[in-house]
Every structure is written in C-alpha cells, then in structure tokens.
Protein backbone atom coordinates (compact mmCIF):
# COMPACT_ATOMS: atom_id res chain seq x y z
CA MET A 1 91.62 98.94 102.19
CA LEU A 2 91.46 97.15 105.51
CA THR A 3 93.21 98.49 108.57
CA ARG A 4 95.78 96.39 110.38
CA GLU A 5 93.25 95.71 113.15
CA GLU A 6 90.60 94.54 110.66
CA ILE A 7 93.09 92.19 109.02
CA LEU A 8 94.06 90.71 112.40
CA GLN A 9 90.39 90.34 113.39
CA ARG A 10 89.93 88.14 110.31
CA ASN A 11 92.78 85.92 111.56
CA CYS A 12 94.99 87.01 108.69
CA THR A 13 98.55 88.25 108.73
CA PRO A 14 99.18 91.73 107.32
CA ILE A 15 101.49 91.68 104.28
CA GLU A 16 103.85 94.08 106.04
CA ASP A 17 104.36 91.51 108.82
CA LEU A 18 105.18 88.80 106.27
CA ILE A 19 107.63 91.04 104.44
CA ALA A 20 109.27 92.10 107.73
CA GLU A 21 109.60 88.45 108.75
CA ASP A 22 111.42 87.54 105.52
CA PHE A 23 113.31 90.76 104.75
CA GLY A 24 113.57 92.67 108.01
CA GLU A 25 111.98 95.77 109.42
CA ILE A 26 111.78 98.99 107.45
CA GLY A 27 115.12 100.78 107.52
CA THR A 28 117.32 97.70 107.85
CA PRO A 29 119.87 97.05 105.08
CA GLU A 30 118.14 93.81 104.07
CA ARG A 31 114.75 95.52 103.82
CA ASN A 32 116.19 98.47 101.91
CA LEU A 33 117.65 96.05 99.36
CA PHE A 34 114.31 94.24 99.07
CA ASP A 35 112.47 97.54 98.53
CA LEU A 36 114.96 98.64 95.86
CA GLU A 37 114.63 95.31 94.05
CA CYS A 38 110.83 95.62 94.15
CA ASP A 39 111.03 99.12 92.68
CA ALA A 40 113.36 97.87 89.91
CA PHE A 41 110.98 95.02 89.12
CA ILE A 42 107.94 97.32 88.98
CA LEU A 43 109.77 99.82 86.77
CA GLY A 44 110.89 97.03 84.45
CA GLU A 45 107.38 95.65 84.14
CA ARG A 46 105.99 99.11 83.41
CA LEU A 47 108.63 99.76 80.73
CA LYS A 48 107.92 96.39 79.13
CA GLU A 49 104.20 97.16 79.11
CA GLU A 50 104.82 100.52 77.41
CA ARG A 51 107.24 98.95 74.89
CA LEU A 52 104.68 96.31 73.92
CA LYS A 53 101.88 98.89 73.65
CA ALA A 54 104.12 100.88 71.29
CA GLY A 55 104.69 97.73 69.21
CA PHE A 56 108.47 97.55 69.60
CA THR A 57 110.54 94.40 69.93
CA GLN A 58 113.32 94.58 72.49
CA GLU A 59 115.81 94.93 69.65
CA GLU A 60 113.89 97.78 67.97
CA PHE A 61 113.46 99.55 71.28
CA ALA A 62 117.14 99.14 72.15
CA GLN A 63 118.15 100.74 68.85
CA LYS A 64 115.74 103.62 69.43
CA ILE A 65 117.27 104.49 72.82
CA GLY A 66 120.87 103.59 71.99
CA VAL A 67 121.46 100.54 74.17
CA THR A 68 121.78 96.78 73.60
CA LYS A 69 118.86 94.36 73.46
CA SER A 70 120.48 92.55 76.37
CA LEU A 71 120.30 95.69 78.52
CA VAL A 72 116.62 96.21 77.64
CA SER A 73 115.94 92.62 78.74
CA LYS A 74 117.85 93.08 81.98
CA ILE A 75 115.99 96.31 82.76
CA GLU A 76 112.61 94.73 82.03
CA HIS A 77 113.41 91.89 84.42
CA GLY A 78 114.73 94.20 87.14
CA TYR A 79 118.28 92.85 86.85
CA SER A 80 120.08 96.02 85.85
CA ASP A 81 120.47 99.51 87.17
CA ILE A 82 119.65 102.13 84.62
CA LYS A 83 121.32 105.46 83.98
CA LEU A 84 119.11 108.49 84.37
CA SER A 85 120.01 109.59 80.85
CA ALA A 86 118.78 106.24 79.46
CA LEU A 87 115.63 106.47 81.56
CA ALA A 88 114.94 109.95 80.20
CA LYS A 89 115.35 108.63 76.63
CA ILE A 90 112.96 105.78 77.36
CA PHE A 91 110.32 108.11 78.69
CA SER A 92 110.68 110.46 75.74
CA VAL A 93 110.15 107.57 73.28
CA PHE A 94 106.82 106.90 75.00
CA GLY A 95 105.90 110.58 75.12
CA LEU A 96 106.08 110.58 78.91
CA SER A 97 107.80 113.03 81.18
CA LEU A 98 110.16 111.93 83.90
CA GLY A 99 109.12 113.17 87.34
CA LEU A 100 111.11 112.81 90.53
CA SER A 101 109.67 112.02 93.92
CA LEU A 102 111.88 112.21 96.99
CA ARG A 103 110.62 110.72 100.21
CA PRO A 104 112.17 109.56 103.46
CA GLN A 105 112.91 105.82 103.55
CA ASN A 106 111.27 105.44 106.93
CA ASN A 107 107.51 104.90 106.49
CA ALA A 108 106.92 106.79 109.73
CA HIS A 109 107.55 109.92 107.66
CA LYS A 110 105.70 108.82 104.51
CA ASN A 111 103.67 112.02 104.43
CA ASN A 112 106.82 114.07 103.91
CA ALA A 113 107.30 113.51 100.18
CA TYR A 114 108.91 115.98 97.84
CA ASN A 115 107.72 115.81 94.24
CA PHE A 116 109.39 117.43 91.28
CA ALA A 117 107.52 117.10 88.01
C-alpha cells in the first residue's frame, strides 16, 4: 500500500481526499452518514454472497430467518437497517459467529479498537 506522500509524488489524489471533498472530513455528520451507508452496502454484499454460496433464493432465505423477501432484498442492497436479532439468525444459518468490534469514529484513534468475539 502506498503512503500518502508516494501517491502525491505520482501526481495522484489520495482516495481519502476525494471522499473528504464529496462527503466531508472524518467526524462530520455528512461523512458519518457516508461511512454508515458504506458499511451497510458492504454488509449487504457479503450477506448476498453467503446466501448465493449456500444456494438459497431470497425467498428461501427469508423464510429460513423469519423475514420477508423484500427485507432480504433491502438488506442486500444496503437500503435497510437490520435488527441485531435478525443479524444473529443470518449468521447462524451460515454457520458463522457474530463478533462485535467497537472503535472510535475518529481515525486518529484507529488503533484503539475493542473486539468482542
């Protein structure tokens, strides 16, 4: 991974600068919303990947975890918040455990993470 200085030396713009330009600096309300939406999108993509690997349709998967097909679709596209109880059911269907990682929102403290697995 290139350092910020190496990226600038190549006359490129670091991705963080582009994100900050469009969504604000880390810690601003706009940036926090962007980061949350990114996390929801990534989680949805990962759940979709696992569902497909397991061979379930959205409808079959919804029945297995006790929600509607519509909700599964919304989750997979990052358009819906998900209850922790539903998330725990989803992970159990895939034989995965649900771990929790708590970290400060400010990247200046990114080394201070608290993991519960």
